[in-house]
């Protein structure tokens, strides 16, 4: 089976591209492939450049797993997702996200976990829309959003499930820059190159941990409290 993630290393930059041929639903398979790609980038001592496909960045967790998967499937998917946010938050080298299209919850969680987020300036929606699809925002994601979103947007985003266009997504804190679609990858690669040339990586990592240890520990604690096999089984039983 073709992997939904491709890994390309060039000049110290690891391009990690998600493309499942559809909407990059964060299934256990795609999430594991992302974990493997970031592990490889760490081994290669490379800056990570994460992107989606031409249609979308990611539609979030795979809803099919919630609908028909076993408790083990749901538990694995959610755990892999939470652990991936921690991996990005604490990654030893800069993580640049090129947001190629819309990003719904788990896709948005990856934006909130990355160091520099560059998105296209038109035709996208980004946010945490759990309450609009009859779900509750996970505790681990609540801590992540509390850390990264602007205070004026945090409660609005979480409690209304509103999805933002590119400009509001930048104001909220999901994106740092917005550019024309045809300039996205060139801009993201240039940003990754600039970081590689000008940032001291050891100091970057030490500073990142100083800045982010509270949220990293909060995300870990929330995931440990919430994401159990028993809670996944309760979700299955409630179908």
Protein backbone atom coordinates (compact mmCIF):
# COMPACT_ATOMS: atom_id res chain seq x y z
CA UNK A 1 0.00 0.00 0.00
CA UNK A 2 1.31 3.47 -0.89
CA UNK A 3 2.18 5.56 2.15
CA UNK A 4 0.01 8.66 2.71
CA UNK A 5 3.18 10.57 3.67
CA UNK A 6 6.26 11.21 1.55
CA UNK A 7 9.63 12.22 2.95
CA UNK A 8 12.18 14.16 0.93
CA UNK A 9 15.47 15.42 2.37
CA UNK A 10 17.31 18.24 0.61
CA UNK A 11 19.88 20.71 1.97
CA UNK A 12 19.03 20.00 5.59
CA UNK A 13 15.28 20.40 5.10
CA UNK A 14 12.96 17.41 5.41
CA UNK A 15 9.79 17.93 3.37
CA UNK A 16 7.04 15.84 4.97
CA UNK A 17 4.07 15.87 2.61
CA UNK A 18 0.67 14.44 3.53
CA UNK A 19 -1.39 13.09 0.64
CA UNK A 20 -3.82 10.20 1.07
CA UNK A 21 -5.38 11.02 -2.31
CA UNK A 22 -8.42 12.49 -0.58
CA UNK A 23 -8.72 14.89 2.37
CA UNK A 24 -5.79 13.72 4.52
CA UNK A 25 -8.04 12.27 7.20
CA UNK A 26 -5.88 11.54 10.24
CA UNK A 27 -6.31 7.78 10.38
CA UNK A 28 -4.00 5.64 12.52
CA UNK A 29 -2.10 4.82 9.32
CA UNK A 30 -1.51 8.45 8.36
CA UNK A 31 -0.66 9.44 11.93
CA UNK A 32 1.86 6.63 12.27
CA UNK A 33 3.42 7.65 8.95
CA UNK A 34 3.79 11.20 10.27
CA UNK A 35 5.44 9.93 13.44
CA UNK A 36 7.86 7.89 11.35
CA UNK A 37 8.65 10.87 9.10
CA UNK A 38 9.38 13.19 12.02
CA UNK A 39 11.53 10.50 13.63
CA UNK A 40 13.50 10.31 10.38
CA UNK A 41 13.84 14.10 10.24
CA UNK A 42 15.18 14.11 13.78
CA UNK A 43 17.66 11.39 12.86
CA UNK A 44 18.70 13.45 9.82
CA UNK A 45 19.02 16.57 12.03
CA UNK A 46 16.77 18.38 9.58
CA UNK A 47 14.32 21.23 9.74
CA UNK A 48 10.84 19.82 9.08
CA UNK A 49 8.57 21.31 6.42
CA UNK A 50 5.08 19.86 6.75
CA UNK A 51 2.51 20.27 3.99
CA UNK A 52 -0.80 18.88 2.77
CA UNK A 53 -1.92 18.12 -0.76
CA UNK A 54 -3.29 20.50 -3.40
CA UNK A 55 -6.82 20.15 -2.03
CA UNK A 56 -6.44 20.46 1.72
CA UNK A 57 -4.03 20.47 4.63
CA UNK A 58 -6.06 17.97 6.66
CA UNK A 59 -9.71 17.25 7.42
CA UNK A 60 -8.82 16.12 10.93
CA UNK A 61 -9.26 12.80 12.67
CA UNK A 62 -10.75 10.04 10.52
CA UNK A 63 -14.48 10.15 11.30
CA UNK A 64 -14.90 6.66 9.88
CA UNK A 65 -12.83 5.30 12.75
CA UNK A 66 -15.14 7.01 15.26
CA UNK A 67 -18.17 5.64 13.41
CA UNK A 68 -17.17 2.02 12.83
CA UNK A 69 -13.77 1.37 14.38
CA UNK A 70 -13.10 -0.74 17.45
CA UNK A 71 -12.27 0.77 20.81
CA UNK A 72 -8.65 -0.16 20.14
CA UNK A 73 -8.75 1.71 16.78
CA UNK A 74 -10.17 4.86 18.38
CA UNK A 75 -7.75 4.74 21.29
CA UNK A 76 -4.76 4.30 18.98
CA UNK A 77 -5.84 7.12 16.67
CA UNK A 78 -6.42 9.60 19.49
CA UNK A 79 -3.24 8.63 21.31
CA UNK A 80 -1.14 8.93 18.15
CA UNK A 81 -2.67 12.35 17.54
CA UNK A 82 -1.94 13.65 21.03
CA UNK A 83 1.59 12.24 20.96
CA UNK A 84 2.21 13.85 17.57
CA UNK A 85 1.38 17.30 18.95
CA UNK A 86 3.92 16.74 21.73
CA UNK A 87 6.49 15.56 19.19
CA UNK A 88 6.09 18.75 17.16
CA UNK A 89 6.00 21.02 20.20
CA UNK A 90 9.32 19.59 21.42
CA UNK A 91 10.97 18.79 18.07
CA UNK A 92 14.72 19.55 18.25
CA UNK A 93 14.67 21.53 15.00
CA UNK A 94 12.26 24.13 13.63
CA UNK A 95 8.95 22.90 12.21
CA UNK A 96 7.51 24.95 9.34
CA UNK A 97 3.92 24.18 8.34
CA UNK A 98 2.82 25.01 4.79
CA UNK A 99 -0.96 25.06 5.11
CA UNK A 100 -2.01 24.18 1.58
CA UNK A 101 -5.74 24.32 2.29
CA UNK A 102 -8.33 23.97 5.00
CA UNK A 103 -7.36 22.49 8.36
CA UNK A 104 -9.96 20.98 10.66
CA UNK A 105 -9.36 19.85 14.24
CA UNK A 106 -6.41 17.44 14.13
CA UNK A 107 -5.03 19.31 11.15
CA UNK A 108 -5.43 22.53 13.12
CA UNK A 109 -3.75 20.87 16.12
CA UNK A 110 -0.67 20.35 13.94
CA UNK A 111 -0.67 24.03 13.02
CA UNK A 112 -0.90 24.95 16.71
CA UNK A 113 2.10 22.68 17.40
CA UNK A 114 4.38 24.00 14.64
CA UNK A 115 6.92 26.81 14.97
CA UNK A 116 6.10 28.81 11.84
CA UNK A 117 2.77 28.47 10.00
CA UNK A 118 2.32 29.83 6.47
CA UNK A 119 -1.03 29.47 4.74
CA UNK A 120 -2.75 30.37 1.50
CA UNK A 121 -4.76 33.58 1.52
CA UNK A 122 -7.99 32.41 -0.07
CA UNK A 123 -10.52 29.61 -0.11
CA UNK A 124 -9.61 27.96 3.19
CA UNK A 125 -11.29 27.34 6.53
CA UNK A 126 -9.38 26.63 9.73
CA UNK A 127 -10.65 25.94 13.23
CA UNK A 128 -11.82 23.57 15.92
CA UNK A 129 -15.35 22.63 14.90
CA UNK A 130 -15.98 19.75 17.33
CA UNK A 131 -19.17 21.24 18.81
CA UNK A 132 -20.61 21.48 15.28
CA UNK A 133 -20.08 17.79 14.60
CA UNK A 134 -21.45 16.54 17.93
CA UNK A 135 -18.09 16.08 19.62
CA UNK A 136 -16.31 17.62 22.59
CA UNK A 137 -12.94 19.29 22.19
CA UNK A 138 -10.38 16.90 23.70
CA UNK A 139 -8.65 18.07 26.87
CA UNK A 140 -5.23 17.79 25.25
CA UNK A 141 -6.35 20.00 22.37
CA UNK A 142 -7.92 22.48 24.79
CA UNK A 143 -4.53 22.95 26.46
CA UNK A 144 -2.86 23.34 23.07
CA UNK A 145 -5.40 25.93 21.93
CA UNK A 146 -5.19 27.81 25.22
CA UNK A 147 -1.42 28.07 24.73
CA UNK A 148 -1.35 29.15 21.09
CA UNK A 149 -4.55 31.04 20.27
CA UNK A 150 -5.01 34.73 20.97
CA UNK A 151 -7.03 35.22 24.17
CA UNK A 152 -9.80 37.07 22.33
CA UNK A 153 -10.27 34.07 20.05
CA UNK A 154 -9.72 31.11 22.38
CA UNK A 155 -13.18 30.86 23.97
CA UNK A 156 -14.94 31.86 20.76
CA UNK A 157 -13.06 29.21 18.79
CA UNK A 158 -13.60 26.39 21.28
CA UNK A 159 -17.20 27.03 22.27
CA UNK A 160 -18.74 28.03 18.94
CA UNK A 161 -16.78 25.78 16.59
CA UNK A 162 -16.46 28.66 14.14
CA UNK A 163 -14.19 28.07 11.16
CA UNK A 164 -12.08 31.02 10.06
CA UNK A 165 -10.90 32.28 6.70
CA UNK A 166 -7.18 32.89 6.26
CA UNK A 167 -7.15 36.43 7.66
CA UNK A 168 -9.10 35.54 10.79
CA UNK A 169 -7.06 32.34 11.19
CA UNK A 170 -3.96 34.53 11.28
CA UNK A 171 -5.53 36.89 13.82
CA UNK A 172 -6.63 33.95 15.95
CA UNK A 173 -3.18 32.35 16.02
CA UNK A 174 -3.49 29.39 13.67
CA UNK A 175 -1.26 31.02 11.04
CA UNK A 176 1.70 33.40 11.14
CA UNK A 177 1.76 34.46 7.48
CA UNK A 178 -0.61 34.21 4.54
CA UNK A 179 0.48 34.26 0.91
CA UNK A 180 -0.96 33.63 -2.54
CA UNK A 181 -1.48 29.92 -3.30
CA UNK A 182 1.14 29.88 -6.05
CA UNK A 183 3.72 31.37 -3.67
CA UNK A 184 3.12 29.05 -0.72
CA UNK A 185 5.73 26.33 -1.18
CA UNK A 186 8.39 28.76 -2.40
CA UNK A 187 7.77 30.95 0.66
CA UNK A 188 7.74 28.00 3.07
CA UNK A 189 10.98 26.58 1.65
CA UNK A 190 12.63 30.00 1.82
CA UNK A 191 11.54 30.34 5.44
CA UNK A 192 12.93 26.90 6.28
CA UNK A 193 16.21 27.77 4.55
CA UNK A 194 16.46 31.06 6.45
CA UNK A 195 15.98 29.22 9.75
CA UNK A 196 18.58 26.61 8.81
CA UNK A 197 21.12 29.31 7.96
CA UNK A 198 20.53 31.65 10.89
CA UNK A 199 19.27 29.72 13.92
CA UNK A 200 21.55 27.88 16.32
CA UNK A 201 19.79 24.55 16.57
CA UNK A 202 20.97 23.58 20.04
CA UNK A 203 19.89 26.95 21.38
CA UNK A 204 16.62 26.69 19.44
CA UNK A 205 15.78 23.40 21.12
CA UNK A 206 16.80 24.56 24.60
CA UNK A 207 14.76 27.72 24.26
CA UNK A 208 11.78 25.85 22.81
CA UNK A 209 11.72 23.59 25.86
CA UNK A 210 12.02 26.54 28.24
CA UNK A 211 9.11 28.26 26.53
CA UNK A 212 6.91 25.21 26.00
CA UNK A 213 7.49 22.89 28.94
CA UNK A 214 4.26 24.03 30.68
CA UNK A 215 2.06 23.30 27.66
CA UNK A 216 3.94 20.08 26.82
CA UNK A 217 3.34 18.79 30.35
CA UNK A 218 -0.27 19.97 30.27
CA UNK A 219 -0.93 18.19 26.97
CA UNK A 220 0.71 14.99 28.24
CA UNK A 221 -1.26 15.08 31.50
CA UNK A 222 -4.55 15.75 29.70
CA UNK A 223 -3.97 12.91 27.25
CA UNK A 224 -3.04 10.49 30.04
CA UNK A 225 -6.21 11.43 31.95
CA UNK A 226 -8.59 11.36 29.02
CA UNK A 227 -7.39 8.91 26.38
CA UNK A 228 -7.95 5.48 27.84
CA UNK A 229 -9.12 2.29 26.20
CA UNK A 230 -12.10 2.33 28.59
CA UNK A 231 -13.19 5.78 27.38
CA UNK A 232 -12.85 4.63 23.78
CA UNK A 233 -15.03 1.61 24.59
CA UNK A 234 -17.68 3.89 26.06
CA UNK A 235 -17.73 5.76 22.76
CA UNK A 236 -18.25 2.49 20.90
CA UNK A 237 -21.02 1.43 23.27
CA UNK A 238 -22.82 4.77 22.79
CA UNK A 239 -23.21 4.35 19.02
